[in-house]
Amino acid sequence: MTASLTSPRPTVRTPGAGGLVFGLISAVAFASSGAVMKPLMEAGWSLGAALLVRISGAALVLAYPFVRAVMREPGFLRRHWPLIVGFGLTGIAGCQLFYFAAIQRIPVGVALLIEYLAPVLLVGLAWARTRRAPSAVVALGSVAAVAGLVLMVDVTGASFDLLGTLFALCAAICLGAYFLIAERTGDSVPPLALAGGGLITGALLMALLCAVGVLPFAAPPVDVVLAGATVPWFVPVVWVVLIATVCGYAFGVIATSKIGARLASFVGLTEALFAVAIAWILIGEAPSLIQALGGALILAGVVLVRLDRRGAGVPRGEAAIVPVVPAP
């Protein structure tokens, strides 16, 4: 990585309500993808086709902010290509590839639980880099959020699969990278330019994997059932591209740039809560009382991390490694 990954003069970021709202909108958008893509893939679409159409369609929509940044600032790509390519390979392509590879071997709930260990991994990274333990508030919020996630997903009867578990862990690492890289956006790399460039990178990778046969491509013109109604294939495709992907990444990157990687990653945990609610509406999977309790614990964890004062008012790009215990 080059020095362009950090700004010469870091700007001060104070987490505010606007960033939290953007983060919640992103979580809702991302949460809708599973309930919409599942019927499409069950009707005959392959994983390669679903991911390629999803990412490339979103890349077309968000290409303008990226192209505008390249045209307006000479040397933009030369200075920032590691950030953009890294975001596309990890935060976009990596997250989705590893997650979907994991759920082919282990239950969806288990894979989701492992992937959303990313916030805890970020807290651990901060601990390792600063040699200072997280504050009691952050530690308690981490425990509450993970406990809530365990209740939100159904891990009953899950059998251990080493490869599937490793895939899910890789998805967690990529998700952590997504938040860390998105946090570095600002005046030098506009959030939407990063999202657009990352989506273009991810689309090129998906196209290559489909072209060489690593990911099979099949996209038959099928009908699917959503919320009790039969709709043609392009309805879920348009939703996944514009809402679940464009809005998800756009609002997510903006939110992370405003509130930092650590808090944004905990807000992202609410995706599990929203995913259950959307699945209930669209495909009739009603949540249980235990899942409702899990959702409450996730929200409690987010609130606790938000209350930690050491994450506020720090230079951009340092929130994930800011010391959370006063120096001795």
Protein backbone atom coordinates (compact mmCIF):
# COMPACT_ATOMS: atom_id res chain seq x y z
CA MET A 1 0.00 0.00 0.00
CA THR A 2 1.11 3.53 -0.67
CA ALA A 3 1.00 6.61 1.48
CA SER A 4 -2.17 7.65 -0.34
CA LEU A 5 -4.14 5.42 1.99
CA THR A 6 -4.02 8.15 4.61
CA SER A 7 -4.59 11.85 4.23
CA PRO A 8 -1.62 14.19 4.84
CA ARG A 9 -3.68 16.15 7.38
CA PRO A 10 -6.33 13.90 8.96
CA THR A 11 -9.64 15.60 9.45
CA VAL A 12 -11.50 15.31 12.72
CA ARG A 13 -14.65 13.20 12.65
CA THR A 14 -17.33 13.49 15.29
CA PRO A 15 -19.95 10.72 15.03
CA GLY A 16 -23.42 12.14 14.58
CA ALA A 17 -27.00 11.09 14.02
CA GLY A 18 -26.70 11.51 10.26
CA GLY A 19 -24.02 8.85 9.98
CA LEU A 20 -26.06 6.46 12.12
CA VAL A 21 -29.12 6.97 9.92
CA PHE A 22 -27.08 6.30 6.77
CA GLY A 23 -25.69 3.16 8.41
CA LEU A 24 -29.17 1.89 9.25
CA ILE A 25 -30.39 2.59 5.70
CA SER A 26 -27.43 0.61 4.38
CA ALA A 27 -28.21 -2.28 6.74
CA VAL A 28 -31.84 -2.38 5.59
CA ALA A 29 -30.77 -2.33 1.93
CA PHE A 30 -28.22 -5.11 2.35
CA ALA A 31 -30.67 -7.14 4.45
CA SER A 32 -33.15 -7.32 1.58
CA SER A 33 -30.72 -9.10 -0.76
CA GLY A 34 -31.06 -12.57 0.74
CA ALA A 35 -34.86 -12.73 0.69
CA VAL A 36 -34.91 -11.41 -2.90
CA MET A 37 -32.01 -13.45 -4.31
CA LYS A 38 -33.00 -16.75 -2.69
CA PRO A 39 -36.18 -17.32 -4.79
CA LEU A 40 -34.28 -16.30 -7.93
CA MET A 41 -31.50 -18.82 -7.31
CA GLU A 42 -34.00 -21.52 -6.33
CA ALA A 43 -35.72 -20.91 -9.69
CA GLY A 44 -32.55 -21.70 -11.65
CA TRP A 45 -30.16 -18.76 -11.52
CA SER A 46 -26.58 -19.74 -10.72
CA LEU A 47 -24.47 -18.01 -8.08
CA GLY A 48 -22.15 -16.63 -10.75
CA ALA A 49 -25.03 -15.09 -12.71
CA ALA A 50 -26.65 -13.59 -9.62
CA LEU A 51 -23.42 -12.00 -8.36
CA LEU A 52 -22.24 -10.79 -11.78
CA VAL A 53 -25.57 -9.14 -12.61
CA ARG A 54 -25.84 -7.67 -9.13
CA ILE A 55 -22.36 -6.16 -8.98
CA SER A 56 -22.03 -5.10 -12.63
CA GLY A 57 -25.48 -3.49 -12.62
CA ALA A 58 -24.62 -1.51 -9.51
CA ALA A 59 -21.24 -0.60 -11.02
CA LEU A 60 -23.00 0.99 -13.99
CA VAL A 61 -25.18 3.08 -11.69
CA LEU A 62 -22.29 4.28 -9.51
CA ALA A 63 -19.73 4.63 -12.29
CA TYR A 64 -20.40 8.36 -12.70
CA PRO A 65 -19.01 9.52 -9.31
CA PHE A 66 -15.89 7.43 -9.93
CA VAL A 67 -15.36 8.70 -13.49
CA ARG A 68 -16.02 12.26 -12.35
CA ALA A 69 -13.34 11.98 -9.66
CA VAL A 70 -10.86 10.53 -12.16
CA MET A 71 -11.53 13.26 -14.73
CA ARG A 72 -11.50 16.11 -12.21
CA GLU A 73 -8.32 15.18 -10.35
CA PRO A 74 -5.18 14.37 -12.39
CA GLY A 75 -3.35 11.39 -10.92
CA PHE A 76 -6.39 10.21 -8.96
CA LEU A 77 -5.99 6.59 -10.02
CA ARG A 78 -2.22 6.62 -9.56
CA ARG A 79 -2.58 7.79 -5.96
CA HIS A 80 -5.65 5.89 -4.87
CA TRP A 81 -5.76 2.67 -6.90
CA PRO A 82 -4.66 0.47 -3.93
CA LEU A 83 -7.61 1.76 -1.90
CA ILE A 84 -10.10 1.29 -4.74
CA VAL A 85 -8.85 -2.13 -5.85
CA GLY A 86 -8.59 -3.32 -2.25
CA PHE A 87 -12.16 -2.24 -1.58
CA GLY A 88 -13.43 -4.01 -4.69
CA LEU A 89 -11.57 -7.26 -3.99
CA THR A 90 -12.40 -7.46 -0.28
CA GLY A 91 -15.40 -5.34 0.67
CA ILE A 92 -17.39 -6.18 -2.46
CA ALA A 93 -16.28 -9.35 -4.25
CA GLY A 94 -14.63 -11.08 -1.30
CA CYS A 95 -17.53 -10.61 1.12
CA GLN A 96 -20.06 -12.03 -1.30
CA LEU A 97 -17.97 -14.84 -2.74
CA PHE A 98 -16.83 -16.21 0.60
CA TYR A 99 -20.25 -15.85 2.21
CA PHE A 100 -22.08 -17.68 -0.58
CA ALA A 101 -19.33 -20.32 -0.70
CA ALA A 102 -19.79 -20.79 3.05
CA ILE A 103 -23.57 -21.24 2.93
CA GLN A 104 -23.18 -24.04 0.41
CA ARG A 105 -21.43 -26.06 3.15
CA ILE A 106 -22.80 -24.75 6.46
CA PRO A 107 -26.20 -23.36 7.54
CA VAL A 108 -26.96 -19.78 6.56
CA GLY A 109 -27.36 -18.76 10.20
CA VAL A 110 -23.96 -20.11 11.17
CA ALA A 111 -22.28 -18.42 8.20
CA LEU A 112 -23.96 -15.12 9.05
CA LEU A 113 -22.92 -15.41 12.68
CA ILE A 114 -19.28 -15.99 11.74
CA GLU A 115 -19.22 -13.23 9.11
CA TYR A 116 -20.64 -10.72 11.54
CA LEU A 117 -17.83 -11.32 13.97
CA ALA A 118 -16.18 -8.53 11.95
CA PRO A 119 -16.93 -5.82 14.57
CA VAL A 120 -15.29 -7.95 17.26
CA LEU A 121 -12.32 -8.53 14.95
CA LEU A 122 -11.96 -4.76 14.58
CA VAL A 123 -11.98 -4.32 18.35
CA GLY A 124 -9.35 -7.06 18.57
CA LEU A 125 -7.27 -5.35 15.86
CA ALA A 126 -7.38 -2.11 17.82
CA TRP A 127 -6.26 -3.99 20.92
CA ALA A 128 -3.38 -5.67 19.08
CA ARG A 129 -2.15 -2.48 17.38
CA THR A 130 -2.36 -0.21 20.41
CA ARG A 131 -1.56 -2.83 23.10
CA ARG A 132 -4.41 -1.33 25.11
CA ALA A 133 -7.57 -3.17 26.08
CA PRO A 134 -10.94 -1.86 24.85
CA SER A 135 -13.01 0.14 27.29
CA ALA A 136 -15.56 -1.63 29.44
CA VAL A 137 -18.37 -0.05 27.41
CA VAL A 138 -17.01 -1.37 24.10
CA ALA A 139 -16.31 -4.80 25.60
CA LEU A 140 -19.83 -5.03 27.00
CA GLY A 141 -21.30 -3.83 23.70
CA SER A 142 -19.30 -6.50 21.83
CA VAL A 143 -20.56 -9.25 24.12
CA ALA A 144 -24.17 -8.05 23.87
CA ALA A 145 -24.02 -7.77 20.07
CA VAL A 146 -22.51 -11.21 19.57
CA ALA A 147 -24.98 -12.78 22.03
CA GLY A 148 -27.81 -11.10 20.16
CA LEU A 149 -26.53 -12.37 16.84
CA VAL A 150 -26.36 -15.92 18.22
CA LEU A 151 -30.05 -15.66 19.14
CA MET A 152 -30.99 -14.01 15.83
CA VAL A 153 -29.62 -16.83 13.65
CA ASP A 154 -30.67 -20.47 13.87
CA VAL A 155 -27.64 -22.60 14.70
CA THR A 156 -29.65 -25.58 15.96
CA GLY A 157 -28.35 -28.88 14.68
CA ALA A 158 -25.47 -27.35 12.77
CA SER A 159 -22.67 -29.79 11.97
CA PHE A 160 -19.08 -28.60 11.84
CA ASP A 161 -17.53 -28.19 8.41
CA LEU A 162 -13.94 -26.92 8.39
CA LEU A 163 -13.91 -25.54 4.85
CA GLY A 164 -17.28 -23.84 5.26
CA THR A 165 -16.12 -22.30 8.53
CA LEU A 166 -12.93 -21.03 6.89
CA PHE A 167 -14.96 -19.49 4.05
CA ALA A 168 -17.14 -17.70 6.60
CA LEU A 169 -14.08 -16.44 8.49
CA CYS A 170 -12.67 -15.09 5.23
CA ALA A 171 -16.00 -13.30 4.70
CA ALA A 172 -15.63 -11.77 8.18
CA ILE A 173 -12.12 -10.56 7.38
CA CYS A 174 -13.33 -9.05 4.10
CA LEU A 175 -16.19 -7.34 5.91
CA GLY A 176 -13.74 -5.86 8.38
CA ALA A 177 -11.63 -4.61 5.45
CA TYR A 178 -14.77 -3.03 3.98
CA PHE A 179 -15.29 -0.90 7.07
CA LEU A 180 -11.60 -0.01 7.47
CA ILE A 181 -11.20 1.07 3.85
CA ALA A 182 -14.52 2.94 3.74
CA GLU A 183 -13.43 4.89 6.80
CA ARG A 184 -10.55 6.38 4.81
CA THR A 185 -12.80 8.22 2.37
CA GLY A 186 -13.08 11.97 2.61
CA ASP A 187 -11.86 14.97 0.67
CA SER A 188 -9.22 13.01 -1.29
CA VAL A 189 -11.43 9.98 -2.07
CA PRO A 190 -15.15 10.80 -2.14
CA PRO A 191 -17.25 7.94 -0.68
CA LEU A 192 -19.32 7.42 -3.82
CA ALA A 193 -16.19 7.41 -5.98
CA LEU A 194 -14.76 4.64 -3.79
CA ALA A 195 -18.01 2.68 -4.02
CA GLY A 196 -18.16 3.09 -7.81
CA GLY A 197 -14.53 2.16 -8.36
CA GLY A 198 -14.82 -0.79 -5.99
CA LEU A 199 -17.93 -2.08 -7.75
CA ILE A 200 -16.20 -1.81 -11.14
CA THR A 201 -13.28 -3.81 -9.73
CA GLY A 202 -15.62 -6.41 -8.26
CA ALA A 203 -17.58 -6.68 -11.51
CA LEU A 204 -14.40 -7.28 -13.51
CA LEU A 205 -13.35 -10.03 -11.10
CA MET A 206 -16.79 -11.69 -11.28
CA ALA A 207 -16.76 -11.51 -15.08
CA LEU A 208 -13.34 -13.19 -15.14
CA LEU A 209 -14.45 -15.96 -12.76
CA CYS A 210 -17.55 -16.61 -14.87
CA ALA A 211 -15.57 -16.51 -18.13
CA VAL A 212 -13.05 -19.14 -17.00
CA GLY A 213 -15.76 -21.35 -15.50
CA VAL A 214 -14.87 -20.97 -11.83
CA LEU A 215 -18.39 -19.62 -11.29
CA PRO A 216 -21.06 -21.23 -13.52
CA PHE A 217 -23.31 -18.74 -15.31
CA ALA A 218 -26.99 -19.54 -15.78
CA ALA A 219 -29.72 -16.90 -15.91
CA PRO A 220 -32.97 -18.38 -17.28
CA PRO A 221 -36.00 -16.07 -17.75
CA VAL A 222 -37.96 -17.47 -14.81
CA ASP A 223 -40.83 -16.28 -12.63
CA VAL A 224 -40.42 -16.03 -8.84
CA VAL A 225 -42.77 -15.59 -5.89
CA LEU A 226 -42.24 -12.56 -3.64
CA ALA A 227 -44.68 -11.53 -0.89
CA GLY A 228 -47.22 -13.98 -2.31
CA ALA A 229 -47.11 -12.50 -5.82
CA THR A 230 -45.58 -14.08 -8.93
CA VAL A 231 -43.25 -11.67 -10.69
CA PRO A 232 -40.84 -11.98 -13.66
CA TRP A 233 -37.10 -12.44 -13.08
CA PHE A 234 -36.21 -8.81 -13.75
CA VAL A 235 -38.19 -7.56 -10.72
CA PRO A 236 -35.86 -9.13 -8.12
CA VAL A 237 -32.85 -8.27 -10.31
CA VAL A 238 -33.77 -4.57 -10.40
CA TRP A 239 -34.38 -4.59 -6.65
CA VAL A 240 -31.09 -6.32 -5.86
CA VAL A 241 -29.12 -3.97 -8.12
CA LEU A 242 -30.69 -0.63 -7.15
CA ILE A 243 -31.70 -1.18 -3.53
CA ALA A 244 -29.69 -4.03 -2.05
CA THR A 245 -26.43 -3.10 -3.78
CA VAL A 246 -26.37 0.54 -4.94
CA CYS A 247 -28.10 1.91 -1.83
CA GLY A 248 -26.37 -0.59 0.44
CA TYR A 249 -22.84 0.31 -0.62
CA ALA A 250 -23.47 4.02 -1.21
CA PHE A 251 -25.06 4.68 2.18
CA GLY A 252 -22.68 2.26 3.88
CA VAL A 253 -19.53 3.98 2.64
CA ILE A 254 -20.90 7.42 3.48
CA ALA A 255 -21.91 6.26 6.96
CA THR A 256 -18.51 4.71 7.68
CA SER A 257 -16.72 7.86 6.57
CA LYS A 258 -18.82 9.82 9.07
CA ILE A 259 -18.91 7.59 12.14
CA GLY A 260 -15.80 5.42 11.75
CA ALA A 261 -15.19 1.73 11.13
CA ARG A 262 -15.86 0.50 14.66
CA LEU A 263 -19.28 2.06 15.19
CA ALA A 264 -20.33 1.45 11.57
CA SER A 265 -19.49 -2.23 11.91
CA PHE A 266 -21.70 -2.52 14.98
CA VAL A 267 -24.54 -0.66 13.24
CA GLY A 268 -24.11 -3.16 10.41
CA LEU A 269 -25.07 -5.94 12.81
CA THR A 270 -28.66 -4.69 12.58
CA GLU A 271 -28.67 -6.19 9.08
CA ALA A 272 -29.43 -9.55 10.71
CA LEU A 273 -32.44 -8.02 12.46
CA PHE A 274 -33.73 -6.39 9.27
CA ALA A 275 -33.05 -9.57 7.25
CA VAL A 276 -35.36 -11.55 9.53
CA ALA A 277 -38.10 -8.91 9.26
CA ILE A 278 -37.83 -8.69 5.45
CA ALA A 279 -37.80 -12.48 5.08
CA TRP A 280 -41.00 -12.53 7.17
CA ILE A 281 -42.65 -10.05 4.79
CA LEU A 282 -41.40 -11.42 1.46
CA ILE A 283 -41.12 -15.18 1.93
CA GLY A 284 -43.18 -15.83 5.07
CA GLU A 285 -40.36 -16.77 7.48
CA ALA A 286 -41.76 -15.45 10.78
CA PRO A 287 -39.26 -14.60 13.56
CA SER A 288 -39.46 -16.30 16.95
CA LEU A 289 -39.51 -14.74 20.40
CA ILE A 290 -35.85 -15.73 20.85
CA GLN A 291 -34.95 -13.88 17.65
CA ALA A 292 -36.75 -10.79 18.92
CA LEU A 293 -34.67 -10.96 22.09
CA GLY A 294 -31.55 -11.30 19.94
CA GLY A 295 -32.50 -8.20 18.01
CA ALA A 296 -32.86 -6.26 21.25
CA LEU A 297 -29.38 -7.37 22.36
CA ILE A 298 -27.86 -6.31 19.03
CA LEU A 299 -29.41 -2.86 19.38
CA ALA A 300 -28.15 -2.67 22.97
CA GLY A 301 -24.64 -3.49 21.76
CA VAL A 302 -24.78 -0.76 19.13
CA VAL A 303 -25.96 1.77 21.72
CA LEU A 304 -23.16 0.83 24.12
CA VAL A 305 -20.47 1.22 21.46
CA ARG A 306 -22.02 4.54 20.43
CA LEU A 307 -21.75 5.72 24.06
CA ASP A 308 -17.99 5.14 24.12
CA ARG A 309 -16.49 8.63 24.07
CA ARG A 310 -13.03 7.55 23.01
CA GLY A 311 -14.29 6.85 19.46
CA ALA A 312 -15.45 10.44 18.94
CA GLY A 313 -13.48 13.40 17.75
CA VAL A 314 -10.49 11.42 16.44
CA PRO A 315 -8.69 11.87 13.13
CA ARG A 316 -10.26 10.12 10.17
CA GLY A 317 -8.67 6.76 9.52
CA GLU A 318 -7.68 6.24 13.15
CA ALA A 319 -11.02 5.31 14.75
CA ALA A 320 -10.41 1.61 14.39
CA ILE A 321 -7.06 1.87 16.20
CA VAL A 322 -7.69 4.71 18.62
CA PRO A 323 -6.69 3.83 22.19
CA VAL A 324 -9.79 3.19 24.27
CA VAL A 325 -8.06 3.20 27.65
CA PRO A 326 -6.11 6.24 28.90
CA ALA A 327 -2.36 5.90 28.60
CA PRO A 328 -0.64 5.10 31.89
